[in-house]
Amino acid sequence: MRSAASRKKEGTKGGMPVAPVILVNMSPIGFSISKKALFLFASLTLAVAPCFADPLLLAVNATPYDRQMFRIHEVLAMSGSSADQTSVGLVNAWMGELRDIPYCYQILWKTPAEVESRQPADCKGKAVALYQRMKTHGATNLRLVIGKRAPTSRQTHTWLEWQTANGGYVLDPTFNYTATRVEKIHRNCYVPLYAYTGSKKFRAATTLVAQN
């Protein structure tokens, strides 16, 4: 048998103690929690909205903005025309008209009829007015988005995102006169927090706290 001093020497390397190996006991309870977490994650990833290069959108039953949006629920849920008569040129013309309406923040969401009166409106009202025009002309793959326009934005912003056979577009009639291709948008800009498509609602997977 080796001496105690010999065994002690083998327990060091270069004069420094060898780091011990710590064994973690995987209890049945811990394993059960892991399976539940995995199941929850799998369930959520099955209920997502089709998106461009933005964060994953998870289907939800409610959002923090639902009460504020009660005046425009019918607009979001409208089915629209059966034939798609929209075009980028037509959308650009509508955006130009809405962009020229003076901006003024409103607590309540204005209806499209109120925005069309040419009275001052904010990003919410202009986006919803454009949404109604496009749906009336049969636009599909269209969603209303609430999120951050820029990384430094303190307030939320509202815009539309439109997926066509020729690619995706960001439609922001508050700041822009024309549609912007998604690939021209910086990855840190136009970051969604919540999205609405018809009667369906979505939340960005990275959204922890809603910001009004």
C-alpha atoms as a PDB file:
ATOM      1  CA  MET A   1       0.000   0.000   0.000  1.00  0.00           C
ATOM      2  CA  ARG A   2       1.064   3.570  -0.688  1.00  0.00           C
ATOM      3  CA  SER A   3       1.696   5.878   2.210  1.00  0.00           C
ATOM      4  CA  ALA A   4      -0.654   8.691   3.179  1.00  0.00           C
ATOM      5  CA  ALA A   5       1.962  11.222   2.031  1.00  0.00           C
ATOM      6  CA  SER A   6       2.112   9.543  -1.391  1.00  0.00           C
ATOM      7  CA  ARG A   7      -1.662   9.641  -1.781  1.00  0.00           C
ATOM      8  CA  LYS A   8      -1.702  13.311  -0.754  1.00  0.00           C
ATOM      9  CA  LYS A   9       0.920  14.148  -3.372  1.00  0.00           C
ATOM     10  CA  GLU A  10      -1.181  12.539  -6.112  1.00  0.00           C
ATOM     11  CA  GLY A  11      -4.064  14.777  -5.122  1.00  0.00           C
ATOM     12  CA  THR A  12      -2.169  17.846  -6.335  1.00  0.00           C
ATOM     13  CA  LYS A  13      -0.946  19.025  -9.731  1.00  0.00           C
ATOM     14  CA  GLY A  14       1.926  21.442 -10.020  1.00  0.00           C
ATOM     15  CA  GLY A  15       1.657  22.190  -6.343  1.00  0.00           C
ATOM     16  CA  MET A  16      -2.019  23.256  -6.724  1.00  0.00           C
ATOM     17  CA  PRO A  17      -4.969  21.218  -5.452  1.00  0.00           C
ATOM     18  CA  VAL A  18      -6.921  19.417  -8.168  1.00  0.00           C
ATOM     19  CA  ALA A  19     -10.448  20.782  -8.415  1.00  0.00           C
ATOM     20  CA  PRO A  20     -12.924  18.283  -7.027  1.00  0.00           C
ATOM     21  CA  VAL A  21     -15.739  16.956  -9.200  1.00  0.00           C
ATOM     22  CA  ILE A  22     -19.166  17.768  -7.812  1.00  0.00           C
ATOM     23  CA  LEU A  23     -21.939  15.309  -8.602  1.00  0.00           C
ATOM     24  CA  VAL A  24     -25.469  16.666  -8.785  1.00  0.00           C
ATOM     25  CA  ASN A  25     -28.254  14.309  -7.829  1.00  0.00           C
ATOM     26  CA  MET A  26     -31.012  14.530 -10.482  1.00  0.00           C
ATOM     27  CA  SER A  27     -34.074  13.880  -8.354  1.00  0.00           C
ATOM     28  CA  PRO A  28     -37.362  12.689  -9.873  1.00  0.00           C
ATOM     29  CA  ILE A  29     -38.959  16.020  -8.899  1.00  0.00           C
ATOM     30  CA  GLY A  30     -36.402  18.016 -10.875  1.00  0.00           C
ATOM     31  CA  PHE A  31     -36.903  15.779 -13.889  1.00  0.00           C
ATOM     32  CA  SER A  32     -40.668  16.251 -13.719  1.00  0.00           C
ATOM     33  CA  ILE A  33     -40.303  20.054 -13.769  1.00  0.00           C
ATOM     34  CA  SER A  34     -38.002  19.874 -16.762  1.00  0.00           C
ATOM     35  CA  LYS A  35     -40.530  17.826 -18.702  1.00  0.00           C
ATOM     36  CA  LYS A  36     -43.288  20.311 -17.888  1.00  0.00           C
ATOM     37  CA  ALA A  37     -41.134  23.233 -19.029  1.00  0.00           C
ATOM     38  CA  LEU A  38     -40.281  21.435 -22.250  1.00  0.00           C
ATOM     39  CA  PHE A  39     -43.944  20.674 -22.915  1.00  0.00           C
ATOM     40  CA  LEU A  40     -44.929  24.304 -22.275  1.00  0.00           C
ATOM     41  CA  PHE A  41     -42.245  25.577 -24.645  1.00  0.00           C
ATOM     42  CA  ALA A  42     -43.311  23.147 -27.366  1.00  0.00           C
ATOM     43  CA  SER A  43     -46.954  24.179 -26.979  1.00  0.00           C
ATOM     44  CA  LEU A  44     -46.164  27.876 -27.273  1.00  0.00           C
ATOM     45  CA  THR A  45     -43.995  27.524 -30.339  1.00  0.00           C
ATOM     46  CA  LEU A  46     -46.868  25.848 -32.177  1.00  0.00           C
ATOM     47  CA  ALA A  47     -49.057  28.945 -31.814  1.00  0.00           C
ATOM     48  CA  VAL A  48     -47.103  31.666 -33.566  1.00  0.00           C
ATOM     49  CA  ALA A  49     -47.860  34.339 -36.113  1.00  0.00           C
ATOM     50  CA  PRO A  50     -46.014  34.241 -39.424  1.00  0.00           C
ATOM     51  CA  CYS A  51     -43.379  36.941 -39.180  1.00  0.00           C
ATOM     52  CA  PHE A  52     -40.517  38.522 -41.095  1.00  0.00           C
ATOM     53  CA  ALA A  53     -37.146  38.861 -39.385  1.00  0.00           C
ATOM     54  CA  ASP A  54     -38.702  40.076 -36.157  1.00  0.00           C
ATOM     55  CA  PRO A  55     -38.994  38.287 -32.799  1.00  0.00           C
ATOM     56  CA  LEU A  56     -41.215  35.248 -32.478  1.00  0.00           C
ATOM     57  CA  LEU A  57     -44.855  36.161 -31.916  1.00  0.00           C
ATOM     58  CA  LEU A  58     -46.867  33.968 -29.578  1.00  0.00           C
ATOM     59  CA  ALA A  59     -50.664  33.720 -29.764  1.00  0.00           C
ATOM     60  CA  VAL A  60     -52.384  35.126 -26.651  1.00  0.00           C
ATOM     61  CA  ASN A  61     -55.957  35.608 -25.497  1.00  0.00           C
ATOM     62  CA  ALA A  62     -55.491  39.200 -24.319  1.00  0.00           C
ATOM     63  CA  THR A  63     -53.052  42.117 -24.357  1.00  0.00           C
ATOM     64  CA  PRO A  64     -52.660  45.171 -22.083  1.00  0.00           C
ATOM     65  CA  TYR A  65     -54.095  47.359 -24.875  1.00  0.00           C
ATOM     66  CA  ASP A  66     -57.425  45.595 -25.330  1.00  0.00           C
ATOM     67  CA  ARG A  67     -59.464  48.105 -23.314  1.00  0.00           C
ATOM     68  CA  GLN A  68     -57.928  51.045 -25.121  1.00  0.00           C
ATOM     69  CA  MET A  69     -58.675  49.449 -28.488  1.00  0.00           C
ATOM     70  CA  PHE A  70     -62.379  48.735 -27.956  1.00  0.00           C
ATOM     71  CA  ARG A  71     -63.359  51.460 -30.445  1.00  0.00           C
ATOM     72  CA  ILE A  72     -61.519  49.804 -33.325  1.00  0.00           C
ATOM     73  CA  HIS A  73     -62.209  46.101 -32.638  1.00  0.00           C
ATOM     74  CA  GLU A  74     -64.663  45.910 -35.561  1.00  0.00           C
ATOM     75  CA  VAL A  75     -62.067  47.338 -37.921  1.00  0.00           C
ATOM     76  CA  LEU A  76     -59.466  44.756 -36.936  1.00  0.00           C
ATOM     77  CA  ALA A  77     -61.970  41.916 -37.284  1.00  0.00           C
ATOM     78  CA  MET A  78     -63.318  42.972 -40.703  1.00  0.00           C
ATOM     79  CA  SER A  79     -63.021  40.327 -43.420  1.00  0.00           C
ATOM     80  CA  GLY A  80     -62.563  42.744 -46.317  1.00  0.00           C
ATOM     81  CA  SER A  81     -62.977  42.143 -50.025  1.00  0.00           C
ATOM     82  CA  SER A  82     -62.642  38.643 -51.477  1.00  0.00           C
ATOM     83  CA  ALA A  83     -60.417  39.920 -54.291  1.00  0.00           C
ATOM     84  CA  ASP A  84     -57.090  41.570 -53.473  1.00  0.00           C
ATOM     85  CA  GLN A  85     -56.971  44.886 -55.320  1.00  0.00           C
ATOM     86  CA  THR A  86     -54.119  46.420 -53.369  1.00  0.00           C
ATOM     87  CA  SER A  87     -50.743  47.353 -54.789  1.00  0.00           C
ATOM     88  CA  VAL A  88     -47.655  49.055 -53.431  1.00  0.00           C
ATOM     89  CA  GLY A  89     -48.443  52.117 -55.521  1.00  0.00           C
ATOM     90  CA  LEU A  90     -51.962  52.383 -54.116  1.00  0.00           C
ATOM     91  CA  VAL A  91     -50.734  51.862 -50.564  1.00  0.00           C
ATOM     92  CA  ASN A  92     -48.114  54.583 -51.073  1.00  0.00           C
ATOM     93  CA  ALA A  93     -50.829  56.994 -52.197  1.00  0.00           C
ATOM     94  CA  TRP A  94     -52.860  56.259 -49.059  1.00  0.00           C
ATOM     95  CA  MET A  95     -49.801  56.610 -46.860  1.00  0.00           C
ATOM     96  CA  GLY A  96     -49.069  60.021 -48.367  1.00  0.00           C
ATOM     97  CA  GLU A  97     -52.578  61.222 -47.559  1.00  0.00           C
ATOM     98  CA  LEU A  98     -52.392  59.988 -43.975  1.00  0.00           C
ATOM     99  CA  ARG A  99     -48.865  61.316 -43.501  1.00  0.00           C
ATOM    100  CA  ASP A 100     -50.088  64.819 -44.318  1.00  0.00           C
ATOM    101  CA  ILE A 101     -52.673  64.762 -41.517  1.00  0.00           C
ATOM    102  CA  PRO A 102     -51.291  66.796 -38.576  1.00  0.00           C
ATOM    103  CA  TYR A 103     -50.027  64.707 -35.697  1.00  0.00           C
ATOM    104  CA  CYS A 104     -51.551  64.946 -32.234  1.00  0.00           C
ATOM    105  CA  TYR A 105     -51.429  62.273 -29.535  1.00  0.00           C
ATOM    106  CA  GLN A 106     -54.824  60.902 -28.533  1.00  0.00           C
ATOM    107  CA  ILE A 107     -55.586  58.863 -25.421  1.00  0.00           C
ATOM    108  CA  LEU A 108     -58.400  56.964 -27.143  1.00  0.00           C
ATOM    109  CA  TRP A 109     -57.924  55.135 -30.406  1.00  0.00           C
ATOM    110  CA  LYS A 110     -59.575  57.137 -33.179  1.00  0.00           C
ATOM    111  CA  THR A 111     -61.816  55.320 -35.616  1.00  0.00           C
ATOM    112  CA  PRO A 112     -60.934  55.491 -39.333  1.00  0.00           C
ATOM    113  CA  ALA A 113     -63.953  57.751 -39.883  1.00  0.00           C
ATOM    114  CA  GLU A 114     -62.578  60.226 -37.354  1.00  0.00           C
ATOM    115  CA  VAL A 115     -59.134  60.132 -38.962  1.00  0.00           C
ATOM    116  CA  GLU A 116     -60.614  60.649 -42.420  1.00  0.00           C
ATOM    117  CA  SER A 117     -62.100  63.939 -41.197  1.00  0.00           C
ATOM    118  CA  ARG A 118     -58.530  65.275 -41.487  1.00  0.00           C
ATOM    119  CA  GLN A 119     -58.474  66.364 -37.875  1.00  0.00           C
ATOM    120  CA  PRO A 120     -55.136  65.799 -36.069  1.00  0.00           C
ATOM    121  CA  ALA A 121     -54.452  62.136 -35.340  1.00  0.00           C
ATOM    122  CA  ASP A 122     -51.646  60.062 -33.846  1.00  0.00           C
ATOM    123  CA  CYS A 123     -49.835  56.924 -34.986  1.00  0.00           C
ATOM    124  CA  LYS A 124     -52.611  54.660 -33.704  1.00  0.00           C
ATOM    125  CA  GLY A 125     -55.329  56.391 -35.673  1.00  0.00           C
ATOM    126  CA  LYS A 126     -53.320  56.632 -38.890  1.00  0.00           C
ATOM    127  CA  ALA A 127     -52.280  52.992 -38.785  1.00  0.00           C
ATOM    128  CA  VAL A 128     -55.850  51.790 -38.186  1.00  0.00           C
ATOM    129  CA  ALA A 129     -57.169  54.012 -40.996  1.00  0.00           C
ATOM    130  CA  LEU A 130     -54.621  52.487 -43.386  1.00  0.00           C
ATOM    131  CA  TYR A 131     -55.498  49.004 -42.116  1.00  0.00           C
ATOM    132  CA  GLN A 132     -59.178  49.566 -42.961  1.00  0.00           C
ATOM    133  CA  ARG A 133     -58.419  50.880 -46.460  1.00  0.00           C
ATOM    134  CA  MET A 134     -56.210  47.917 -47.230  1.00  0.00           C
ATOM    135  CA  LYS A 135     -58.622  45.321 -45.842  1.00  0.00           C
ATOM    136  CA  THR A 136     -61.508  46.907 -47.751  1.00  0.00           C
ATOM    137  CA  HIS A 137     -59.482  46.388 -50.949  1.00  0.00           C
ATOM    138  CA  GLY A 138     -58.742  42.764 -50.097  1.00  0.00           C
ATOM    139  CA  ALA A 139     -55.259  42.961 -48.585  1.00  0.00           C
ATOM    140  CA  THR A 140     -54.136  39.776 -46.839  1.00  0.00           C
ATOM    141  CA  ASN A 141     -51.215  38.918 -44.547  1.00  0.00           C
ATOM    142  CA  LEU A 142     -51.622  42.293 -42.867  1.00  0.00           C
ATOM    143  CA  ARG A 143     -51.156  43.036 -39.195  1.00  0.00           C
ATOM    144  CA  LEU A 144     -51.315  45.989 -36.834  1.00  0.00           C
ATOM    145  CA  VAL A 145     -48.254  46.233 -34.595  1.00  0.00           C
ATOM    146  CA  ILE A 146     -47.556  48.017 -31.315  1.00  0.00           C
ATOM    147  CA  GLY A 147     -43.887  48.233 -30.427  1.00  0.00           C
ATOM    148  CA  LYS A 148     -40.735  50.317 -30.464  1.00  0.00           C
ATOM    149  CA  ARG A 149     -39.849  52.351 -33.537  1.00  0.00           C
ATOM    150  CA  ALA A 150     -36.259  52.906 -32.380  1.00  0.00           C
ATOM    151  CA  PRO A 151     -34.006  51.485 -29.632  1.00  0.00           C
ATOM    152  CA  THR A 152     -34.043  54.835 -27.803  1.00  0.00           C
ATOM    153  CA  SER A 153     -37.835  55.271 -27.974  1.00  0.00           C
ATOM    154  CA  ARG A 154     -39.443  55.881 -24.591  1.00  0.00           C
ATOM    155  CA  GLN A 155     -42.973  55.558 -25.907  1.00  0.00           C
ATOM    156  CA  THR A 156     -44.559  52.835 -27.967  1.00  0.00           C
ATOM    157  CA  HIS A 157     -45.429  53.308 -31.626  1.00  0.00           C
ATOM    158  CA  THR A 158     -48.035  51.777 -33.947  1.00  0.00           C
ATOM    159  CA  TRP A 159     -47.542  50.697 -37.556  1.00  0.00           C
ATOM    160  CA  LEU A 160     -48.551  47.988 -40.052  1.00  0.00           C
ATOM    161  CA  GLU A 161     -46.628  45.054 -41.469  1.00  0.00           C
ATOM    162  CA  TRP A 162     -47.659  43.589 -44.808  1.00  0.00           C
ATOM    163  CA  GLN A 163     -46.409  40.391 -46.395  1.00  0.00           C
ATOM    164  CA  THR A 164     -46.788  40.122 -50.179  1.00  0.00           C
ATOM    165  CA  ALA A 165     -45.647  37.707 -52.860  1.00  0.00           C
ATOM    166  CA  ASN A 166     -42.790  40.122 -53.549  1.00  0.00           C
ATOM    167  CA  GLY A 167     -41.636  40.458 -49.949  1.00  0.00           C
ATOM    168  CA  GLY A 168     -42.535  42.132 -46.694  1.00  0.00           C
ATOM    169  CA  TYR A 169     -43.167  45.823 -46.005  1.00  0.00           C
ATOM    170  CA  VAL A 170     -43.343  48.093 -42.978  1.00  0.00           C
ATOM    171  CA  LEU A 171     -46.092  50.700 -43.376  1.00  0.00           C
ATOM    172  CA  ASP A 172     -45.727  53.718 -41.095  1.00  0.00           C
ATOM    173  CA  PRO A 173     -47.991  56.585 -42.257  1.00  0.00           C
ATOM    174  CA  THR A 174     -46.979  58.673 -39.239  1.00  0.00           C
ATOM    175  CA  PHE A 175     -43.374  59.154 -40.364  1.00  0.00           C
ATOM    176  CA  ASN A 176     -43.152  57.781 -43.911  1.00  0.00           C
ATOM    177  CA  TYR A 177     -44.819  58.616 -47.211  1.00  0.00           C
ATOM    178  CA  THR A 178     -44.150  55.226 -48.777  1.00  0.00           C
ATOM    179  CA  ALA A 179     -43.889  51.557 -47.851  1.00  0.00           C
ATOM    180  CA  THR A 180     -40.447  50.365 -46.718  1.00  0.00           C
ATOM    181  CA  ARG A 181     -39.074  46.950 -47.567  1.00  0.00           C
ATOM    182  CA  VAL A 182     -38.374  44.875 -44.476  1.00  0.00           C
ATOM    183  CA  GLU A 183     -34.770  44.195 -45.487  1.00  0.00           C
ATOM    184  CA  LYS A 184     -34.099  47.944 -45.398  1.00  0.00           C
ATOM    185  CA  ILE A 185     -35.204  48.235 -41.775  1.00  0.00           C
ATOM    186  CA  HIS A 186     -32.435  48.111 -39.176  1.00  0.00           C
ATOM    187  CA  ARG A 187     -32.793  45.074 -36.932  1.00  0.00           C
ATOM    188  CA  ASN A 188     -33.139  47.275 -33.822  1.00  0.00           C
ATOM    189  CA  CYS A 189     -35.913  49.394 -35.339  1.00  0.00           C
ATOM    190  CA  TYR A 190     -39.625  48.636 -35.547  1.00  0.00           C
ATOM    191  CA  VAL A 191     -39.425  46.006 -32.830  1.00  0.00           C
ATOM    192  CA  PRO A 192     -42.889  44.524 -32.114  1.00  0.00           C
ATOM    193  CA  LEU A 193     -44.294  44.050 -28.637  1.00  0.00           C
ATOM    194  CA  TYR A 194     -47.851  43.102 -29.626  1.00  0.00           C
ATOM    195  CA  ALA A 195     -49.535  42.394 -32.952  1.00  0.00           C
ATOM    196  CA  TYR A 196     -53.127  42.030 -34.153  1.00  0.00           C
ATOM    197  CA  THR A 197     -54.369  40.144 -37.196  1.00  0.00           C
ATOM    198  CA  GLY A 198     -58.130  40.034 -37.495  1.00  0.00           C
ATOM    199  CA  SER A 199     -59.467  38.738 -34.190  1.00  0.00           C
ATOM    200  CA  LYS A 200     -56.141  37.101 -33.295  1.00  0.00           C
ATOM    201  CA  LYS A 201     -53.679  38.646 -30.864  1.00  0.00           C
ATOM    202  CA  PHE A 202     -49.979  38.031 -30.434  1.00  0.00           C
ATOM    203  CA  ARG A 203     -47.189  38.921 -28.044  1.00  0.00           C
ATOM    204  CA  ALA A 204     -43.495  39.024 -28.830  1.00  0.00           C
ATOM    205  CA  ALA A 205     -41.684  36.213 -27.059  1.00  0.00           C
ATOM    206  CA  THR A 206     -39.209  38.706 -25.586  1.00  0.00           C
ATOM    207  CA  THR A 207     -41.919  41.000 -24.176  1.00  0.00           C
ATOM    208  CA  LEU A 208     -41.867  40.909 -20.374  1.00  0.00           C
ATOM    209  CA  VAL A 209     -43.650  44.134 -19.473  1.00  0.00           C
ATOM    210  CA  ALA A 210     -46.018  46.136 -21.666  1.00  0.00           C
ATOM    211  CA  GLN A 211     -45.077  49.772 -22.081  1.00  0.00           C
ATOM    212  CA  ASN A 212     -47.892  52.200 -22.828  1.00  0.00           C
END
